[in-house]
């Protein structure tokens, strides 16, 4: 179950920039260190050592990815970036079944309406966090129409949670 969390866009962008710089700096240091070590251990003085440099960079990439997912992912300084990644993954899971969602919404299916409302709220937040206001303006009319339909049916419009079971139910529904 994923839930949209309130987040200040300015703070979010500052924190994600900081975590990105930390990870990039770590990668650069490791890449230089591993490439230098590989050339020193296996290279030939004055020879073509490109493969050792590339190997060092590849090893640094693997280690950085491992550290990112293994050690850094749960750190507080990574929380905004992790939240953004999870939000985008959940939005993509809805996008993957969007044709089924919209078809069910047309039939006033409450589950589909909840999923689409979550999608709209999540997409709106993502646009705000990323500072992308142009895409948000295009979505506004569709968002308001769904909100009015949900209110008319007595459904809660504050769908900040996405239950994976809702998506599975929509996937299994007859077309």
N, C-alpha and C. Protein backbone atom coordinates (compact mmCIF):
# COMPACT_ATOMS: atom_id res chain seq x y z
N UNK A 1 0.86 -1.17 0.00
CA UNK A 1 0.00 0.00 0.00
C UNK A 1 0.90 1.23 0.00
N UNK A 2 0.65 2.12 -0.92
CA UNK A 2 1.40 3.37 -1.02
C UNK A 2 0.47 4.51 -0.66
N UNK A 3 0.99 5.49 0.06
CA UNK A 3 0.19 6.66 0.42
C UNK A 3 0.94 7.94 0.06
N UNK A 4 0.23 8.85 -0.57
CA UNK A 4 0.80 10.16 -0.91
C UNK A 4 1.01 10.94 0.38
N UNK A 5 2.22 11.45 0.54
CA UNK A 5 2.57 12.23 1.73
C UNK A 5 2.66 13.71 1.37
N UNK A 6 2.19 14.59 2.25
CA UNK A 6 2.36 16.03 1.96
C UNK A 6 3.85 16.38 2.00
N UNK A 7 4.27 17.20 1.05
CA UNK A 7 5.70 17.52 0.95
C UNK A 7 5.86 18.91 0.33
N UNK A 8 6.76 19.69 0.91
CA UNK A 8 7.06 21.01 0.38
C UNK A 8 7.97 20.86 -0.84
N UNK A 9 7.58 21.45 -1.96
CA UNK A 9 8.31 21.27 -3.22
C UNK A 9 9.71 21.85 -3.16
N UNK A 10 9.87 23.00 -2.53
CA UNK A 10 11.19 23.64 -2.46
C UNK A 10 12.15 22.79 -1.63
N UNK A 11 11.68 22.32 -0.50
CA UNK A 11 12.50 21.46 0.35
C UNK A 11 12.81 20.15 -0.38
N UNK A 12 11.81 19.59 -1.04
CA UNK A 12 11.99 18.35 -1.79
C UNK A 12 13.10 18.50 -2.83
N UNK A 13 13.03 19.56 -3.63
CA UNK A 13 14.04 19.75 -4.68
C UNK A 13 15.43 19.96 -4.07
N UNK A 14 15.52 20.70 -2.97
CA UNK A 14 16.81 20.93 -2.31
C UNK A 14 17.39 19.60 -1.80
N UNK A 15 16.55 18.81 -1.16
CA UNK A 15 17.01 17.53 -0.59
C UNK A 15 17.39 16.52 -1.67
N UNK A 16 16.61 16.46 -2.74
CA UNK A 16 16.95 15.50 -3.80
C UNK A 16 18.20 15.93 -4.55
N UNK A 17 18.40 17.24 -4.70
CA UNK A 17 19.66 17.71 -5.31
C UNK A 17 20.85 17.31 -4.44
N UNK A 18 20.68 17.48 -3.14
CA UNK A 18 21.77 17.13 -2.21
C UNK A 18 22.09 15.64 -2.27
N UNK A 19 21.08 14.79 -2.26
CA UNK A 19 21.33 13.34 -2.30
C UNK A 19 21.92 12.94 -3.65
N UNK A 20 21.48 13.59 -4.72
CA UNK A 20 22.04 13.30 -6.05
C UNK A 20 23.51 13.68 -6.11
N UNK A 21 23.86 14.82 -5.55
CA UNK A 21 25.26 15.25 -5.53
C UNK A 21 26.11 14.29 -4.72
N UNK A 22 25.59 13.83 -3.59
CA UNK A 22 26.34 12.87 -2.75
C UNK A 22 26.61 11.58 -3.52
N UNK A 23 25.57 11.04 -4.16
CA UNK A 23 25.72 9.78 -4.90
C UNK A 23 26.66 9.98 -6.09
N UNK A 24 26.51 11.09 -6.80
CA UNK A 24 27.37 11.35 -7.97
C UNK A 24 28.83 11.52 -7.54
N UNK A 25 29.06 12.23 -6.44
CA UNK A 25 30.43 12.41 -5.95
C UNK A 25 31.03 11.08 -5.53
N UNK A 26 30.24 10.26 -4.85
CA UNK A 26 30.72 8.93 -4.46
C UNK A 26 31.10 8.12 -5.70
N UNK A 27 30.24 8.13 -6.71
CA UNK A 27 30.52 7.40 -7.95
C UNK A 27 31.81 7.90 -8.60
N UNK A 28 31.98 9.21 -8.69
CA UNK A 28 33.18 9.77 -9.31
C UNK A 28 34.45 9.35 -8.56
N UNK A 29 34.41 9.44 -7.24
CA UNK A 29 35.58 9.07 -6.44
C UNK A 29 35.89 7.58 -6.63
N UNK A 30 34.86 6.74 -6.55
CA UNK A 30 35.07 5.30 -6.73
C UNK A 30 35.57 4.98 -8.13
N UNK A 31 35.01 5.64 -9.14
CA UNK A 31 35.42 5.39 -10.52
C UNK A 31 36.89 5.75 -10.72
N UNK A 32 37.30 6.91 -10.20
CA UNK A 32 38.71 7.30 -10.33
C UNK A 32 39.61 6.35 -9.55
N UNK A 33 39.19 5.98 -8.37
CA UNK A 33 39.98 5.08 -7.52
C UNK A 33 40.13 3.70 -8.17
N UNK A 34 39.01 3.11 -8.61
CA UNK A 34 39.06 1.78 -9.22
C UNK A 34 39.80 1.78 -10.55
N UNK A 35 39.59 2.81 -11.36
CA UNK A 35 40.28 2.89 -12.66
C UNK A 35 41.78 3.03 -12.45
N UNK A 36 42.18 3.88 -11.52
CA UNK A 36 43.60 4.06 -11.24
C UNK A 36 44.21 2.77 -10.71
N UNK A 37 43.51 2.11 -9.81
CA UNK A 37 44.01 0.85 -9.25
C UNK A 37 44.11 -0.24 -10.32
N UNK A 38 43.10 -0.32 -11.18
CA UNK A 38 43.13 -1.34 -12.24
C UNK A 38 44.29 -1.11 -13.21
N UNK A 39 44.52 0.15 -13.58
CA UNK A 39 45.64 0.45 -14.49
C UNK A 39 46.97 0.17 -13.78
N UNK A 40 47.07 0.53 -12.51
CA UNK A 40 48.30 0.30 -11.76
C UNK A 40 48.60 -1.19 -11.60
N UNK A 41 47.57 -1.99 -11.37
CA UNK A 41 47.77 -3.41 -11.15
C UNK A 41 47.93 -4.22 -12.45
N UNK A 42 47.12 -3.88 -13.46
CA UNK A 42 47.07 -4.72 -14.66
C UNK A 42 47.56 -4.03 -15.94
N UNK A 43 47.69 -2.72 -15.90
CA UNK A 43 48.00 -1.96 -17.11
C UNK A 43 49.47 -2.00 -17.49
N UNK A 44 49.71 -1.47 -18.67
CA UNK A 44 51.07 -1.38 -19.19
C UNK A 44 51.46 0.09 -19.25
N UNK A 45 52.65 0.43 -18.74
CA UNK A 45 53.09 1.83 -18.83
C UNK A 45 53.16 2.27 -20.29
N UNK A 46 52.46 3.36 -20.61
CA UNK A 46 52.46 3.89 -21.97
C UNK A 46 51.61 3.08 -22.92
N UNK A 47 50.93 2.03 -22.46
CA UNK A 47 50.12 1.17 -23.32
C UNK A 47 48.66 1.61 -23.34
N UNK A 48 47.86 0.87 -24.06
CA UNK A 48 46.43 1.14 -24.14
C UNK A 48 45.75 0.50 -22.94
N UNK A 49 45.33 1.32 -22.00
CA UNK A 49 44.72 0.83 -20.77
C UNK A 49 43.23 1.15 -20.68
N UNK A 50 42.63 1.40 -21.83
CA UNK A 50 41.22 1.78 -21.86
C UNK A 50 40.33 0.73 -21.19
N UNK A 51 40.58 -0.53 -21.47
CA UNK A 51 39.73 -1.58 -20.90
C UNK A 51 39.81 -1.61 -19.38
N UNK A 52 40.98 -1.27 -18.80
CA UNK A 52 41.10 -1.22 -17.35
C UNK A 52 40.39 0.00 -16.77
N UNK A 53 40.45 1.10 -17.49
CA UNK A 53 39.71 2.30 -17.06
C UNK A 53 38.21 2.04 -17.10
N UNK A 54 37.75 1.43 -18.19
CA UNK A 54 36.32 1.12 -18.31
C UNK A 54 35.91 0.10 -17.24
N UNK A 55 36.75 -0.87 -17.01
CA UNK A 55 36.47 -1.86 -15.96
C UNK A 55 36.37 -1.22 -14.60
N UNK A 56 37.23 -0.26 -14.31
CA UNK A 56 37.18 0.45 -13.04
C UNK A 56 35.90 1.26 -12.89
N UNK A 57 35.49 1.90 -13.97
CA UNK A 57 34.24 2.67 -13.95
C UNK A 57 33.04 1.73 -13.77
N UNK A 58 33.05 0.61 -14.46
CA UNK A 58 31.96 -0.36 -14.32
C UNK A 58 31.89 -0.91 -12.89
N UNK A 59 33.05 -1.22 -12.31
CA UNK A 59 33.08 -1.71 -10.92
C UNK A 59 32.55 -0.63 -9.97
N UNK A 60 32.91 0.62 -10.22
CA UNK A 60 32.42 1.73 -9.39
C UNK A 60 30.90 1.87 -9.52
N UNK A 61 30.40 1.69 -10.74
CA UNK A 61 28.96 1.78 -10.96
C UNK A 61 28.23 0.68 -10.19
N UNK A 62 28.75 -0.54 -10.24
CA UNK A 62 28.12 -1.64 -9.52
C UNK A 62 28.16 -1.41 -8.01
N UNK A 63 29.31 -0.96 -7.50
CA UNK A 63 29.42 -0.72 -6.06
C UNK A 63 28.51 0.43 -5.63
N UNK A 64 28.45 1.49 -6.43
CA UNK A 64 27.58 2.62 -6.09
C UNK A 64 26.12 2.18 -6.07
N UNK A 65 25.70 1.40 -7.07
CA UNK A 65 24.33 0.90 -7.11
C UNK A 65 24.04 0.01 -5.90
N UNK A 66 24.99 -0.84 -5.54
CA UNK A 66 24.82 -1.70 -4.38
C UNK A 66 24.71 -0.89 -3.09
N UNK A 67 25.56 0.11 -2.94
CA UNK A 67 25.50 0.96 -1.75
C UNK A 67 24.19 1.74 -1.71
N UNK A 68 23.78 2.22 -2.86
CA UNK A 68 22.54 3.00 -2.93
C UNK A 68 21.36 2.17 -2.45
N UNK A 69 21.21 0.98 -3.00
CA UNK A 69 20.06 0.14 -2.63
C UNK A 69 20.24 -0.54 -1.27
N UNK A 70 21.47 -0.87 -0.92
CA UNK A 70 21.69 -1.62 0.32
C UNK A 70 21.85 -0.76 1.56
N UNK A 71 22.65 0.27 1.48
CA UNK A 71 22.96 1.06 2.67
C UNK A 71 22.25 2.42 2.71
N UNK A 72 22.19 3.10 1.58
CA UNK A 72 21.70 4.47 1.57
C UNK A 72 20.19 4.59 1.47
N UNK A 73 19.53 3.59 0.90
CA UNK A 73 18.10 3.66 0.61
C UNK A 73 17.27 4.00 1.84
N UNK A 74 17.66 3.50 2.99
CA UNK A 74 16.89 3.72 4.22
C UNK A 74 17.38 4.91 5.04
N UNK A 75 18.36 5.63 4.55
CA UNK A 75 18.89 6.80 5.27
C UNK A 75 17.94 7.99 5.13
N UNK A 76 17.88 8.82 6.15
CA UNK A 76 16.96 9.96 6.14
C UNK A 76 17.29 10.97 5.03
N UNK A 77 18.56 11.11 4.69
CA UNK A 77 18.92 12.07 3.65
C UNK A 77 18.49 11.61 2.26
N UNK A 78 18.12 10.35 2.12
CA UNK A 78 17.62 9.81 0.85
C UNK A 78 16.09 9.76 0.79
N UNK A 79 15.41 10.05 1.90
CA UNK A 79 13.96 9.88 1.97
C UNK A 79 13.19 10.60 0.86
N UNK A 80 13.48 11.87 0.54
CA UNK A 80 12.73 12.50 -0.55
C UNK A 80 12.93 11.82 -1.90
N UNK A 81 14.13 11.41 -2.21
CA UNK A 81 14.40 10.73 -3.48
C UNK A 81 13.71 9.36 -3.52
N UNK A 82 13.73 8.64 -2.42
CA UNK A 82 13.07 7.34 -2.34
C UNK A 82 11.56 7.51 -2.48
N UNK A 83 11.01 8.53 -1.82
CA UNK A 83 9.57 8.80 -1.93
C UNK A 83 9.20 9.10 -3.38
N UNK A 84 9.99 9.93 -4.03
CA UNK A 84 9.74 10.27 -5.43
C UNK A 84 9.78 9.03 -6.31
N UNK A 85 10.75 8.18 -6.09
CA UNK A 85 10.88 6.94 -6.86
C UNK A 85 9.64 6.07 -6.66
N UNK A 86 9.22 5.93 -5.39
CA UNK A 86 8.05 5.10 -5.09
C UNK A 86 6.77 5.70 -5.68
N UNK A 87 6.64 7.02 -5.61
CA UNK A 87 5.48 7.69 -6.20
C UNK A 87 5.42 7.42 -7.70
N UNK A 88 6.54 7.60 -8.36
CA UNK A 88 6.57 7.39 -9.81
C UNK A 88 6.31 5.93 -10.18
N UNK A 89 6.82 5.01 -9.39
CA UNK A 89 6.56 3.58 -9.65
C UNK A 89 5.07 3.26 -9.51
N UNK A 90 4.43 3.84 -8.49
CA UNK A 90 3.00 3.58 -8.29
C UNK A 90 2.16 4.24 -9.39
N UNK A 91 2.56 5.42 -9.81
CA UNK A 91 1.86 6.07 -10.92
C UNK A 91 2.02 5.24 -12.20
N UNK A 92 3.20 4.68 -12.39
CA UNK A 92 3.43 3.84 -13.57
C UNK A 92 2.59 2.56 -13.51
N UNK A 93 2.41 2.02 -12.32
CA UNK A 93 1.58 0.81 -12.22
C UNK A 93 0.13 1.12 -12.61
N UNK A 94 -0.33 2.33 -12.34
CA UNK A 94 -1.67 2.72 -12.78
C UNK A 94 -1.66 2.96 -14.29
N UNK A 95 -0.63 3.63 -14.78
CA UNK A 95 -0.53 3.90 -16.22
C UNK A 95 -0.57 2.60 -17.02
N UNK A 96 0.03 1.56 -16.50
CA UNK A 96 0.08 0.28 -17.20
C UNK A 96 -1.30 -0.35 -17.40
N UNK A 97 -2.27 0.02 -16.58
CA UNK A 97 -3.63 -0.51 -16.73
C UNK A 97 -4.64 0.61 -16.99
N UNK A 98 -4.15 1.74 -17.49
CA UNK A 98 -5.01 2.91 -17.63
C UNK A 98 -6.20 2.66 -18.54
N UNK A 99 -6.02 1.89 -19.61
CA UNK A 99 -7.16 1.63 -20.49
C UNK A 99 -8.27 0.88 -19.75
N UNK A 100 -7.91 -0.03 -18.86
CA UNK A 100 -8.90 -0.75 -18.07
C UNK A 100 -9.53 0.17 -17.02
N UNK A 101 -8.71 1.06 -16.45
CA UNK A 101 -9.20 1.99 -15.44
C UNK A 101 -10.22 2.93 -16.07
N UNK A 102 -9.87 3.54 -17.19
CA UNK A 102 -10.79 4.51 -17.82
C UNK A 102 -12.07 3.83 -18.31
N UNK A 103 -11.95 2.62 -18.82
CA UNK A 103 -13.16 1.89 -19.25
C UNK A 103 -14.07 1.63 -18.06
N UNK A 104 -13.50 1.25 -16.93
CA UNK A 104 -14.31 0.99 -15.74
C UNK A 104 -14.87 2.28 -15.14
N UNK A 105 -14.14 3.37 -15.24
CA UNK A 105 -14.64 4.67 -14.76
C UNK A 105 -15.87 5.07 -15.56
N UNK A 106 -15.85 4.80 -16.85
CA UNK A 106 -17.00 5.13 -17.69
C UNK A 106 -18.26 4.37 -17.25
N UNK A 107 -18.05 3.22 -16.60
CA UNK A 107 -19.17 2.41 -16.09
C UNK A 107 -19.46 2.74 -14.62
N UNK A 108 -18.88 3.83 -14.11
CA UNK A 108 -19.05 4.29 -12.72
C UNK A 108 -18.57 3.25 -11.69
N UNK A 109 -17.52 2.51 -12.01
CA UNK A 109 -16.92 1.55 -11.09
C UNK A 109 -16.21 2.33 -9.98
N UNK A 110 -16.63 2.15 -8.72
CA UNK A 110 -16.02 2.91 -7.61
C UNK A 110 -14.53 2.64 -7.43
N UNK A 111 -14.10 1.40 -7.62
CA UNK A 111 -12.68 1.07 -7.47
C UNK A 111 -11.86 1.79 -8.53
N UNK A 112 -12.33 1.77 -9.75
CA UNK A 112 -11.62 2.45 -10.83
C UNK A 112 -11.56 3.96 -10.58
N UNK A 113 -12.65 4.51 -10.05
CA UNK A 113 -12.66 5.94 -9.76
C UNK A 113 -11.64 6.28 -8.66
N UNK A 114 -11.53 5.41 -7.67
CA UNK A 114 -10.54 5.63 -6.61
C UNK A 114 -9.12 5.57 -7.18
N UNK A 115 -8.88 4.60 -8.04
CA UNK A 115 -7.56 4.45 -8.66
C UNK A 115 -7.24 5.68 -9.50
N UNK A 116 -8.20 6.12 -10.31
CA UNK A 116 -7.95 7.28 -11.16
C UNK A 116 -7.78 8.55 -10.33
N UNK A 117 -8.53 8.66 -9.26
CA UNK A 117 -8.37 9.85 -8.37
C UNK A 117 -6.99 9.82 -7.72
N UNK A 118 -6.55 8.65 -7.24
CA UNK A 118 -5.19 8.54 -6.71
C UNK A 118 -4.18 8.96 -7.77
N UNK A 119 -4.37 8.48 -8.98
CA UNK A 119 -3.47 8.82 -10.08
C UNK A 119 -3.41 10.33 -10.30
N UNK A 120 -4.57 10.96 -10.32
CA UNK A 120 -4.61 12.42 -10.50
C UNK A 120 -3.90 13.15 -9.36
N UNK A 121 -4.18 12.74 -8.13
CA UNK A 121 -3.54 13.39 -6.98
C UNK A 121 -2.02 13.15 -6.99
N UNK A 122 -1.61 11.93 -7.32
CA UNK A 122 -0.18 11.61 -7.36
C UNK A 122 0.53 12.35 -8.48
N UNK A 123 -0.10 12.42 -9.64
CA UNK A 123 0.47 13.13 -10.77
C UNK A 123 0.58 14.63 -10.48
N UNK A 124 -0.45 15.16 -9.83
CA UNK A 124 -0.42 16.58 -9.44
C UNK A 124 0.74 16.83 -8.49
N UNK A 125 0.91 15.96 -7.50
CA UNK A 125 2.03 16.14 -6.57
C UNK A 125 3.37 16.01 -7.29
N UNK A 126 3.48 15.04 -8.16
CA UNK A 126 4.74 14.85 -8.89
C UNK A 126 5.08 16.10 -9.70
N UNK A 127 4.08 16.66 -10.37
CA UNK A 127 4.31 17.89 -11.15
C UNK A 127 4.74 19.04 -10.24
N UNK A 128 4.11 19.15 -9.07
CA UNK A 128 4.48 20.20 -8.13
C UNK A 128 5.90 20.00 -7.61
N UNK A 129 6.23 18.78 -7.24
CA UNK A 129 7.56 18.49 -6.70
C UNK A 129 8.65 18.72 -7.75
N UNK A 130 8.35 18.35 -8.98
CA UNK A 130 9.33 18.53 -10.06
C UNK A 130 9.34 19.94 -10.62
N UNK A 131 8.38 20.77 -10.21
CA UNK A 131 8.29 22.13 -10.71
C UNK A 131 7.81 22.18 -12.15
N UNK A 132 6.93 21.25 -12.53
CA UNK A 132 6.45 21.13 -13.90
C UNK A 132 4.98 21.55 -13.94
N UNK A 133 4.72 22.84 -14.04
CA UNK A 133 3.35 23.34 -13.99
C UNK A 133 2.63 23.24 -15.32
N UNK A 134 3.33 23.13 -16.43
CA UNK A 134 2.68 23.11 -17.74
C UNK A 134 1.84 21.84 -17.92
N UNK A 135 2.34 20.70 -17.52
CA UNK A 135 1.58 19.46 -17.65
C UNK A 135 0.37 19.44 -16.72
N UNK A 136 0.50 20.08 -15.57
CA UNK A 136 -0.58 20.10 -14.59
C UNK A 136 -1.80 20.85 -15.14
N UNK A 137 -1.59 21.91 -15.88
CA UNK A 137 -2.69 22.70 -16.43
C UNK A 137 -3.54 21.88 -17.40
N UNK A 138 -2.92 21.01 -18.17
CA UNK A 138 -3.64 20.19 -19.14
C UNK A 138 -4.54 19.15 -18.45
N UNK A 139 -4.16 18.74 -17.27
CA UNK A 139 -4.88 17.69 -16.54
C UNK A 139 -6.08 18.24 -15.77
N UNK A 140 -6.12 19.53 -15.53
CA UNK A 140 -7.07 20.14 -14.61
C UNK A 140 -8.53 19.80 -14.92
N UNK A 141 -8.95 19.90 -16.18
CA UNK A 141 -10.34 19.65 -16.53
C UNK A 141 -10.74 18.21 -16.24
N UNK A 142 -9.89 17.27 -16.61
CA UNK A 142 -10.17 15.85 -16.37
C UNK A 142 -10.27 15.56 -14.87
N UNK A 143 -9.40 16.18 -14.10
CA UNK A 143 -9.40 16.00 -12.64
C UNK A 143 -10.72 16.49 -12.05
N UNK A 144 -11.15 17.66 -12.47
CA UNK A 144 -12.39 18.24 -11.93
C UNK A 144 -13.62 17.41 -12.32
N UNK A 145 -13.65 16.91 -13.53
CA UNK A 145 -14.78 16.09 -13.98
C UNK A 145 -14.90 14.81 -13.15
N UNK A 146 -13.76 14.16 -12.91
CA UNK A 146 -13.79 12.94 -12.10
C UNK A 146 -14.21 13.26 -10.67
N UNK A 147 -13.69 14.33 -10.13
CA UNK A 147 -14.02 14.72 -8.76
C UNK A 147 -15.54 14.95 -8.62
N UNK A 148 -16.14 15.63 -9.59
CA UNK A 148 -17.58 15.88 -9.56
C UNK A 148 -18.37 14.58 -9.64
N UNK A 149 -17.94 13.66 -10.50
CA UNK A 149 -18.63 12.37 -10.62
C UNK A 149 -18.54 11.58 -9.32
N UNK A 150 -17.36 11.60 -8.69
CA UNK A 150 -17.19 10.88 -7.43
C UNK A 150 -18.07 11.48 -6.34
N UNK A 151 -18.14 12.80 -6.28
CA UNK A 151 -18.98 13.46 -5.28
C UNK A 151 -20.45 13.12 -5.51
N UNK A 152 -20.86 13.07 -6.76
CA UNK A 152 -22.25 12.74 -7.08
C UNK A 152 -22.59 11.31 -6.63
N UNK A 153 -21.61 10.42 -6.66
CA UNK A 153 -21.82 9.03 -6.23
C UNK A 153 -21.56 8.82 -4.73
N UNK A 154 -21.16 9.89 -4.05
CA UNK A 154 -20.89 9.80 -2.61
C UNK A 154 -19.56 9.16 -2.27
N UNK A 155 -18.61 9.18 -3.20
CA UNK A 155 -17.29 8.59 -2.95
C UNK A 155 -16.33 9.64 -2.40
N UNK A 156 -15.44 9.20 -1.55
CA UNK A 156 -14.42 10.08 -0.98
C UNK A 156 -13.43 10.49 -2.07
N UNK A 157 -13.20 11.78 -2.21
CA UNK A 157 -12.28 12.27 -3.25
C UNK A 157 -10.84 12.38 -2.76
N UNK A 158 -10.60 12.17 -1.49
CA UNK A 158 -9.24 12.22 -0.95
C UNK A 158 -8.60 10.84 -0.99
N UNK A 159 -8.34 10.37 -2.19
CA UNK A 159 -7.76 9.04 -2.40
C UNK A 159 -6.24 9.14 -2.41
N UNK A 160 -5.65 9.27 -1.24
CA UNK A 160 -4.20 9.40 -1.15
C UNK A 160 -3.51 8.05 -1.05
N UNK A 161 -4.28 6.98 -1.02
CA UNK A 161 -3.71 5.63 -0.93
C UNK A 161 -4.00 4.85 -2.20
N UNK A 162 -3.05 4.00 -2.54
CA UNK A 162 -3.25 3.07 -3.65
C UNK A 162 -3.06 1.67 -3.12
N UNK A 163 -4.11 0.89 -3.20
CA UNK A 163 -4.07 -0.51 -2.78
C UNK A 163 -3.78 -1.35 -4.02
N UNK A 164 -2.70 -2.12 -4.03
CA UNK A 164 -2.39 -2.96 -5.20
C UNK A 164 -3.53 -3.92 -5.55
N UNK A 165 -4.35 -4.29 -4.58
CA UNK A 165 -5.48 -5.19 -4.85
C UNK A 165 -6.48 -4.52 -5.80
N UNK A 166 -6.59 -3.20 -5.74
CA UNK A 166 -7.49 -2.49 -6.66
C UNK A 166 -7.03 -2.69 -8.10
N UNK A 167 -5.73 -2.58 -8.32
CA UNK A 167 -5.21 -2.74 -9.67
C UNK A 167 -5.40 -4.18 -10.15
N UNK A 168 -5.18 -5.14 -9.27
CA UNK A 168 -5.38 -6.54 -9.64
C UNK A 168 -6.85 -6.80 -10.00
N UNK A 169 -7.75 -6.22 -9.24
CA UNK A 169 -9.18 -6.40 -9.52
C UNK A 169 -9.53 -5.81 -10.89
N UNK A 170 -8.94 -4.67 -11.21
CA UNK A 170 -9.21 -4.04 -12.52
C UNK A 170 -8.60 -4.85 -13.66
N UNK A 171 -7.44 -5.46 -13.41
CA UNK A 171 -6.81 -6.30 -14.44
C UNK A 171 -7.66 -7.53 -14.73
N UNK A 172 -8.29 -8.07 -13.67
CA UNK A 172 -9.06 -9.32 -13.79
C UNK A 172 -10.48 -9.08 -14.31
N UNK A 173 -10.92 -7.83 -14.28
CA UNK A 173 -12.30 -7.53 -14.69
C UNK A 173 -12.49 -7.86 -16.17
N UNK A 174 -13.68 -8.35 -16.50
CA UNK A 174 -13.96 -8.64 -17.93
C UNK A 174 -13.94 -7.33 -18.74
N UNK A 175 -13.46 -7.46 -19.95
CA UNK A 175 -13.32 -6.27 -20.79
C UNK A 175 -14.51 -6.02 -21.63
